[in-house]
C-alpha atoms as a PDB file:
ATOM      1  CA  MET A   1      -7.539  -7.038   2.589  1.00  0.00           C
ATOM      2  CA  ILE A   2      -3.810  -8.076   4.019  1.00  0.00           C
ATOM      3  CA  GLN A   3      -1.327  -5.218   3.173  1.00  0.00           C
ATOM      4  CA  LEU A   4       2.114  -5.949   4.546  1.00  0.00           C
ATOM      5  CA  LYS A   5       4.563  -2.916   3.645  1.00  0.00           C
ATOM      6  CA  ASN A   6       8.521  -3.954   4.685  1.00  0.00           C
ATOM      7  CA  ILE A   7       7.758  -6.337   6.583  1.00  0.00           C
ATOM      8  CA  VAL A   8      10.969  -7.369   9.338  1.00  0.00           C
ATOM      9  CA  LYS A   9      10.994  -9.591  12.242  1.00  0.00           C
ATOM     10  CA  THR A  10      14.270  -9.442  13.746  1.00  0.00           C
ATOM     11  CA  TYR A  11      14.828 -12.475  16.394  1.00  0.00           C
ATOM     12  CA  ASP A  12      17.700 -12.552  19.378  1.00  0.00           C
ATOM     13  CA  ALA A  13      19.924 -16.246  18.457  1.00  0.00           C
ATOM     14  CA  GLY A  14      22.476 -15.364  21.967  1.00  0.00           C
ATOM     15  CA  ASN A  15      25.079 -13.271  20.688  1.00  0.00           C
ATOM     16  CA  ARG A  16      23.740 -12.539  17.295  1.00  0.00           C
ATOM     17  CA  LYS A  17      20.444 -11.170  15.569  1.00  0.00           C
ATOM     18  CA  PHE A  18      18.753 -12.870  12.699  1.00  0.00           C
ATOM     19  CA  ASN A  19      15.763 -11.428  10.342  1.00  0.00           C
ATOM     20  CA  ALA A  20      13.465 -14.815  10.272  1.00  0.00           C
ATOM     21  CA  LEU A  21      11.436 -12.148   7.495  1.00  0.00           C
ATOM     22  CA  ASP A  22      13.780  -9.152   5.866  1.00  0.00           C
ATOM     23  CA  GLY A  23      11.300  -6.775   4.237  1.00  0.00           C
ATOM     24  CA  VAL A  24       8.742  -8.940   3.082  1.00  0.00           C
ATOM     25  CA  SER A  25       5.743  -6.747   1.080  1.00  0.00           C
ATOM     26  CA  LEU A  26       2.632  -7.971  -0.021  1.00  0.00           C
ATOM     27  CA  ASP A  27      -1.126  -7.533  -0.802  1.00  0.00           C
ATOM     28  CA  ILE A  28      -3.804 -10.398  -0.521  1.00  0.00           C
ATOM     29  CA  GLN A  29      -7.011  -9.267  -1.610  1.00  0.00           C
ATOM     30  CA  ASP A  30     -10.738 -10.576  -0.668  1.00  0.00           C
ATOM     31  CA  GLY A  31     -11.382 -13.908  -1.810  1.00  0.00           C
ATOM     32  CA  GLU A  32      -8.250 -15.121  -1.758  1.00  0.00           C
ATOM     33  CA  MET A  33      -6.188 -18.810  -1.399  1.00  0.00           C
ATOM     34  CA  VAL A  34      -2.906 -18.039  -1.029  1.00  0.00           C
ATOM     35  CA  ALA A  35      -0.030 -20.799  -0.650  1.00  0.00           C
ATOM     36  CA  VAL A  36       3.319 -19.925   1.362  1.00  0.00           C
ATOM     37  CA  MET A  37       6.027 -21.746   0.631  1.00  0.00           C
ATOM     38  CA  GLY A  38       9.600 -22.389   1.593  1.00  0.00           C
ATOM     39  CA  PRO A  39      12.096 -24.286   3.094  1.00  0.00           C
ATOM     40  CA  SER A  40      12.557 -25.041   7.006  1.00  0.00           C
ATOM     41  CA  GLY A  41      13.855 -22.389   8.921  1.00  0.00           C
ATOM     42  CA  SER A  42      12.841 -19.622   5.669  1.00  0.00           C
ATOM     43  CA  GLY A  43      10.466 -17.598   7.624  1.00  0.00           C
ATOM     44  CA  LYS A  44       6.995 -19.066   6.879  1.00  0.00           C
ATOM     45  CA  SER A  45       5.087 -19.319   9.744  1.00  0.00           C
ATOM     46  CA  THR A  46       6.603 -16.695  11.321  1.00  0.00           C
ATOM     47  CA  LEU A  47       4.802 -14.461   8.390  1.00  0.00           C
ATOM     48  CA  LEU A  48       1.456 -16.396   9.268  1.00  0.00           C
ATOM     49  CA  ASN A  49       1.982 -15.671  13.099  1.00  0.00           C
ATOM     50  CA  ILE A  50       2.186 -11.899  12.120  1.00  0.00           C
ATOM     51  CA  ILE A  51      -0.980 -11.873   9.845  1.00  0.00           C
ATOM     52  CA  GLY A  52      -2.577 -13.898  12.572  1.00  0.00           C
ATOM     53  CA  GLY A  53      -1.776 -10.736  15.457  1.00  0.00           C
ATOM     54  CA  MET A  54       0.564 -13.674  16.999  1.00  0.00           C
ATOM     55  CA  ASP A  55       3.303 -11.900  16.392  1.00  0.00           C
ATOM     56  CA  MET A  56       4.499  -8.614  15.958  1.00  0.00           C
ATOM     57  CA  ALA A  57       6.594  -7.139  13.445  1.00  0.00           C
ATOM     58  CA  THR A  58      10.164  -5.248  14.336  1.00  0.00           C
ATOM     59  CA  GLU A  59       9.638  -3.390  11.419  1.00  0.00           C
ATOM     60  CA  GLY A  60       7.431  -2.263   8.967  1.00  0.00           C
ATOM     61  CA  GLU A  61       3.634  -2.083   8.854  1.00  0.00           C
ATOM     62  CA  TYR A  62       0.334  -4.863   8.631  1.00  0.00           C
ATOM     63  CA  MET A  63      -3.067  -2.736   7.384  1.00  0.00           C
ATOM     64  CA  TYR A  64      -6.270  -5.175   7.554  1.00  0.00           C
ATOM     65  CA  ASP A  65      -8.624  -3.404   5.789  1.00  0.00           C
ATOM     66  CA  ASP A  66      -8.127  -0.015   7.601  1.00  0.00           C
ATOM     67  CA  ILE A  67      -6.720  -1.307  10.584  1.00  0.00           C
ATOM     68  CA  ASN A  68      -3.319  -0.859  11.583  1.00  0.00           C
ATOM     69  CA  VAL A  69      -2.303  -3.809  13.252  1.00  0.00           C
ATOM     70  CA  THR A  70       1.243  -2.401  13.970  1.00  0.00           C
ATOM     71  CA  LYS A  71      -0.145  -0.047  16.317  1.00  0.00           C
ATOM     72  CA  MET A  72      -2.446  -2.311  18.306  1.00  0.00           C
ATOM     73  CA  LYS A  73      -1.107  -3.319  21.911  1.00  0.00           C
ATOM     74  CA  ASN A  74      -1.170  -7.092  23.442  1.00  0.00           C
ATOM     75  CA  LYS A  75      -4.726  -6.456  24.585  1.00  0.00           C
ATOM     76  CA  ASP A  76      -6.355  -4.793  21.545  1.00  0.00           C
ATOM     77  CA  LEU A  77      -4.605  -7.817  19.315  1.00  0.00           C
ATOM     78  CA  HIS A  78      -6.313 -10.524  21.460  1.00  0.00           C
ATOM     79  CA  ILE A  79      -9.294  -8.440  20.100  1.00  0.00           C
ATOM     80  CA  PHE A  80      -8.884  -8.848  16.754  1.00  0.00           C
ATOM     81  CA  ARG A  81      -7.295 -12.382  16.775  1.00  0.00           C
ATOM     82  CA  ARG A  82     -11.467 -13.271  18.262  1.00  0.00           C
ATOM     83  CA  ASP A  83     -13.006 -10.945  16.447  1.00  0.00           C
ATOM     84  CA  ASN A  84     -10.766 -11.609  12.958  1.00  0.00           C
ATOM     85  CA  ILE A  85      -9.460 -14.614  12.462  1.00  0.00           C
ATOM     86  CA  SER A  86      -9.309 -18.551  12.449  1.00  0.00           C
ATOM     87  CA  PHE A  87      -6.259 -20.832  12.097  1.00  0.00           C
ATOM     88  CA  VAL A  88      -6.678 -24.375  11.652  1.00  0.00           C
ATOM     89  CA  PHE A  89      -3.471 -26.179  12.203  1.00  0.00           C
ATOM     90  CA  GLN A  90      -1.439 -29.374  11.210  1.00  0.00           C
ATOM     91  CA  HIS A  91      -2.057 -31.510  14.172  1.00  0.00           C
ATOM     92  CA  PHE A  92      -5.404 -30.073  14.848  1.00  0.00           C
ATOM     93  CA  ALA A  93      -4.988 -28.261  18.123  1.00  0.00           C
ATOM     94  CA  LEU A  94      -7.932 -30.038  19.722  1.00  0.00           C
ATOM     95  CA  MET A  95      -8.809 -30.406  22.990  1.00  0.00           C
ATOM     96  CA  ASN A  96      -8.329 -33.640  24.566  1.00  0.00           C
ATOM     97  CA  ARG A  97     -10.660 -33.515  27.383  1.00  0.00           C
ATOM     98  CA  TYR A  98     -13.547 -31.214  25.237  1.00  0.00           C
ATOM     99  CA  THR A  99     -16.013 -33.048  23.183  1.00  0.00           C
ATOM    100  CA  VAL A 100     -16.382 -32.506  19.491  1.00  0.00           C
ATOM    101  CA  TYR A 101     -19.119 -30.219  20.208  1.00  0.00           C
ATOM    102  CA  GLU A 102     -17.806 -28.644  23.069  1.00  0.00           C
ATOM    103  CA  ASN A 103     -14.036 -27.744  20.975  1.00  0.00           C
ATOM    104  CA  VAL A 104     -16.436 -26.265  18.118  1.00  0.00           C
ATOM    105  CA  GLU A 105     -17.901 -24.475  20.662  1.00  0.00           C
ATOM    106  CA  VAL A 106     -15.282 -23.209  21.914  1.00  0.00           C
ATOM    107  CA  PRO A 107     -14.814 -19.717  19.834  1.00  0.00           C
ATOM    108  CA  LEU A 108     -18.352 -18.603  20.273  1.00  0.00           C
ATOM    109  CA  ILE A 109     -18.628 -18.880  23.564  1.00  0.00           C
ATOM    110  CA  ALA A 110     -15.633 -16.092  24.208  1.00  0.00           C
ATOM    111  CA  ALA A 111     -17.718 -14.242  21.606  1.00  0.00           C
ATOM    112  CA  HIS A 112     -20.191 -14.068  24.456  1.00  0.00           C
ATOM    113  CA  VAL A 113     -22.980 -16.061  21.947  1.00  0.00           C
ATOM    114  CA  ASN A 114     -26.577 -17.328  23.383  1.00  0.00           C
ATOM    115  CA  PRO A 115     -26.631 -21.192  24.159  1.00  0.00           C
ATOM    116  CA  LEU A 116     -29.333 -21.712  22.182  1.00  0.00           C
ATOM    117  CA  LYS A 117     -27.006 -20.182  18.905  1.00  0.00           C
ATOM    118  CA  ARG A 118     -24.388 -21.840  20.245  1.00  0.00           C
ATOM    119  CA  LYS A 119     -26.030 -24.961  19.293  1.00  0.00           C
ATOM    120  CA  GLU A 120     -27.525 -23.863  16.111  1.00  0.00           C
ATOM    121  CA  ILE A 121     -24.017 -22.931  15.055  1.00  0.00           C
ATOM    122  CA  VAL A 122     -21.825 -25.945  15.951  1.00  0.00           C
ATOM    123  CA  MET A 123     -24.596 -28.830  14.556  1.00  0.00           C
ATOM    124  CA  ASN A 124     -24.528 -26.690  11.090  1.00  0.00           C
ATOM    125  CA  GLN A 125     -20.879 -26.722  11.331  1.00  0.00           C
ATOM    126  CA  LEU A 126     -20.459 -30.180  12.109  1.00  0.00           C
ATOM    127  CA  GLU A 127     -23.368 -31.453   9.760  1.00  0.00           C
ATOM    128  CA  ARG A 128     -21.870 -28.849   6.945  1.00  0.00           C
ATOM    129  CA  LEU A 129     -17.802 -30.863   7.714  1.00  0.00           C
ATOM    130  CA  GLY A 130     -20.054 -34.275   7.814  1.00  0.00           C
ATOM    131  CA  ILE A 131     -19.062 -35.740  11.189  1.00  0.00           C
ATOM    132  CA  GLU A 132     -22.358 -34.469  12.989  1.00  0.00           C
ATOM    133  CA  ASP A 133     -22.676 -38.641  14.585  1.00  0.00           C
ATOM    134  CA  GLN A 134     -19.086 -37.840  16.313  1.00  0.00           C
ATOM    135  CA  VAL A 135     -20.635 -35.050  18.749  1.00  0.00           C
ATOM    136  CA  LYS A 136     -20.164 -36.887  21.850  1.00  0.00           C
ATOM    137  CA  LYS A 137     -16.764 -38.161  20.817  1.00  0.00           C
ATOM    138  CA  TYR A 138     -14.006 -37.163  21.863  1.00  0.00           C
ATOM    139  CA  PRO A 139     -11.423 -35.949  20.034  1.00  0.00           C
ATOM    140  CA  THR A 140      -8.832 -39.327  20.834  1.00  0.00           C
ATOM    141  CA  GLN A 141     -11.636 -41.628  19.523  1.00  0.00           C
ATOM    142  CA  LEU A 142     -11.244 -39.882  16.092  1.00  0.00           C
ATOM    143  CA  SER A 143      -8.977 -40.611  12.981  1.00  0.00           C
ATOM    144  CA  GLY A 144      -7.243 -37.617  11.579  1.00  0.00           C
ATOM    145  CA  GLY A 145      -9.182 -36.690   8.869  1.00  0.00           C
ATOM    146  CA  GLN A 146     -11.908 -36.396  11.305  1.00  0.00           C
ATOM    147  CA  GLN A 147     -10.075 -34.238  14.051  1.00  0.00           C
ATOM    148  CA  GLN A 148      -9.092 -32.103  11.655  1.00  0.00           C
ATOM    149  CA  ARG A 149     -12.733 -31.539  10.243  1.00  0.00           C
ATOM    150  CA  CYS A 150     -13.609 -30.940  13.926  1.00  0.00           C
ATOM    151  CA  ALA A 151     -10.654 -28.638  14.043  1.00  0.00           C
ATOM    152  CA  ILE A 152     -11.863 -26.524  10.490  1.00  0.00           C
ATOM    153  CA  ALA A 153     -15.869 -26.442  12.071  1.00  0.00           C
ATOM    154  CA  ARG A 154     -14.748 -24.503  15.433  1.00  0.00           C
ATOM    155  CA  ALA A 155     -12.831 -22.156  12.777  1.00  0.00           C
ATOM    156  CA  LEU A 156     -15.597 -21.902  10.615  1.00  0.00           C
ATOM    157  CA  ALA A 157     -17.993 -21.062  13.402  1.00  0.00           C
ATOM    158  CA  ALA A 158     -16.880 -18.097  13.983  1.00  0.00           C
ATOM    159  CA  ASN A 159     -17.721 -16.528  10.827  1.00  0.00           C
ATOM    160  CA  HIS A 160     -14.194 -15.002  10.464  1.00  0.00           C
ATOM    161  CA  ARG A 161     -13.422 -13.348   6.829  1.00  0.00           C
ATOM    162  CA  LEU A 162      -9.761 -14.886   7.236  1.00  0.00           C
ATOM    163  CA  ILE A 163      -8.532 -18.324   7.458  1.00  0.00           C
ATOM    164  CA  LEU A 164      -5.039 -19.618   8.360  1.00  0.00           C
ATOM    165  CA  ALA A 165      -3.836 -22.664   8.053  1.00  0.00           C
ATOM    166  CA  ASP A 166      -0.455 -24.117   8.940  1.00  0.00           C
ATOM    167  CA  GLU A 167       0.662 -27.119   6.800  1.00  0.00           C
ATOM    168  CA  PRO A 168      -3.668 -28.797   7.284  1.00  0.00           C
ATOM    169  CA  THR A 169      -3.044 -31.121   5.779  1.00  0.00           C
ATOM    170  CA  GLY A 170       0.809 -32.990   6.274  1.00  0.00           C
ATOM    171  CA  ALA A 171      -0.867 -35.166   9.479  1.00  0.00           C
ATOM    172  CA  LEU A 172      -2.737 -36.917   6.912  1.00  0.00           C
ATOM    173  CA  ASP A 173      -2.860 -39.535   3.820  1.00  0.00           C
ATOM    174  CA  VAL A 174      -3.043 -38.303   0.381  1.00  0.00           C
ATOM    175  CA  SER A 175      -6.922 -38.815  -0.028  1.00  0.00           C
ATOM    176  CA  THR A 176      -8.020 -36.888   3.202  1.00  0.00           C
ATOM    177  CA  GLY A 177      -5.971 -34.667   2.223  1.00  0.00           C
ATOM    178  CA  ASN A 178      -7.604 -34.068  -0.798  1.00  0.00           C
ATOM    179  CA  GLU A 179     -10.872 -34.330   0.527  1.00  0.00           C
ATOM    180  CA  ILE A 180      -9.512 -31.233   3.242  1.00  0.00           C
ATOM    181  CA  MET A 181      -8.547 -28.689   0.423  1.00  0.00           C
ATOM    182  CA  GLU A 182     -12.143 -29.034  -0.971  1.00  0.00           C
ATOM    183  CA  ILE A 183     -13.400 -28.494   2.050  1.00  0.00           C
ATOM    184  CA  PHE A 184     -11.198 -25.103   2.071  1.00  0.00           C
ATOM    185  CA  ARG A 185     -11.773 -24.756  -1.424  1.00  0.00           C
ATOM    186  CA  GLU A 186     -15.279 -24.508  -0.884  1.00  0.00           C
ATOM    187  CA  ILE A 187     -14.643 -21.715   2.067  1.00  0.00           C
ATOM    188  CA  LYS A 188     -12.734 -19.204  -0.491  1.00  0.00           C
ATOM    189  CA  ASP A 189     -15.646 -19.937  -3.434  1.00  0.00           C
ATOM    190  CA  GLU A 190     -18.011 -18.393  -0.311  1.00  0.00           C
ATOM    191  CA  GLY A 191     -15.990 -15.612   0.075  1.00  0.00           C
ATOM    192  CA  LYS A 192     -13.346 -15.758   2.640  1.00  0.00           C
ATOM    193  CA  THR A 193     -10.548 -15.661   2.339  1.00  0.00           C
ATOM    194  CA  VAL A 194      -7.587 -18.188   2.650  1.00  0.00           C
ATOM    195  CA  VAL A 195      -3.945 -18.423   3.502  1.00  0.00           C
ATOM    196  CA  ILE A 196      -2.302 -22.649   3.602  1.00  0.00           C
ATOM    197  CA  ILE A 197       1.559 -22.775   4.654  1.00  0.00           C
ATOM    198  CA  THR A 198       2.700 -26.338   2.568  1.00  0.00           C
ATOM    199  CA  HIS A 199       5.259 -28.292   2.438  1.00  0.00           C
ATOM    200  CA  ASP A 200       2.805 -29.843  -1.051  1.00  0.00           C
ATOM    201  CA  ASN A 201       3.010 -28.837  -3.871  1.00  0.00           C
ATOM    202  CA  GLY A 202      -0.389 -30.383  -4.915  1.00  0.00           C
ATOM    203  CA  VAL A 203      -1.799 -28.285  -2.007  1.00  0.00           C
ATOM    204  CA  ALA A 204      -0.264 -25.262  -3.254  1.00  0.00           C
ATOM    205  CA  ALA A 205      -1.645 -25.706  -6.752  1.00  0.00           C
ATOM    206  CA  LYS A 206      -4.962 -26.448  -5.423  1.00  0.00           C
ATOM    207  CA  CYS A 207      -4.795 -22.278  -4.325  1.00  0.00           C
ATOM    208  CA  ASP A 208      -5.253 -19.193  -6.866  1.00  0.00           C
ATOM    209  CA  ARG A 209      -1.652 -17.966  -6.035  1.00  0.00           C
ATOM    210  CA  ILE A 210       1.771 -19.250  -4.826  1.00  0.00           C
ATOM    211  CA  LEU A 211       3.641 -17.712  -2.464  1.00  0.00           C
ATOM    212  CA  LYS A 212       7.847 -18.056  -1.862  1.00  0.00           C
ATOM    213  CA  ILE A 213       9.775 -17.450   0.645  1.00  0.00           C
ATOM    214  CA  VAL A 214      13.710 -18.372   1.450  1.00  0.00           C
ATOM    215  CA  ASP A 215      16.134 -17.221   3.412  1.00  0.00           C
ATOM    216  CA  GLY A 216      12.837 -14.239   5.108  1.00  0.00           C
ATOM    217  CA  LYS A 217      12.118 -13.063   1.708  1.00  0.00           C
ATOM    218  CA  LEU A 218       9.998 -12.544  -0.712  1.00  0.00           C
ATOM    219  CA  THR A 219      11.035 -14.063  -3.864  1.00  0.00           C
ATOM    220  CA  LYS A 220       7.675 -15.403  -5.981  1.00  0.00           C
ATOM    221  CA  VAL A 221       4.702 -13.651  -6.171  1.00  0.00           C
END
């Protein structure tokens, strides 16, 4: 599904350049749940951004199935993200002026799904995540765990094959974090591919495989 070959990402830092990723090569198969670990500044988020089409590699090749993502222009990248990838973030990235329902509905509006179908999908996902009773509330009225459930419902609403999660349990207590990881395991068992950035060894242990990055290099696969 995902194949990275000799990925380099170079940034300018004043009078010098540095490689956030330095020759990273890896394969991620359909239906895997993979953890990416490493110290702060190691290149974890850069790797996730490249896989998610949020950033472009300076060198190397990124293949998603038979799509060469590294050759895409900005407009094509936007379509690629919209049609293939969902994101879950540590601090939820919900829109505070939107209700729970409206937050989950956003990717369906972007995909031009008709209103009746949108309602069916949104309510199905909210029920699945156990927050259907919060439908009219705003994110600031929810607990951290409820906000993350809303974010996951939004990610699942688009029915993409690939879910990218950046520290999805980082802002949660241990018990709630474990509940969220159980949800990710269920998603994985349904055939979705899940890539999770984490500092938490307990979270990583629940994944199928652990990738470790140090100084922009993949040290263990």
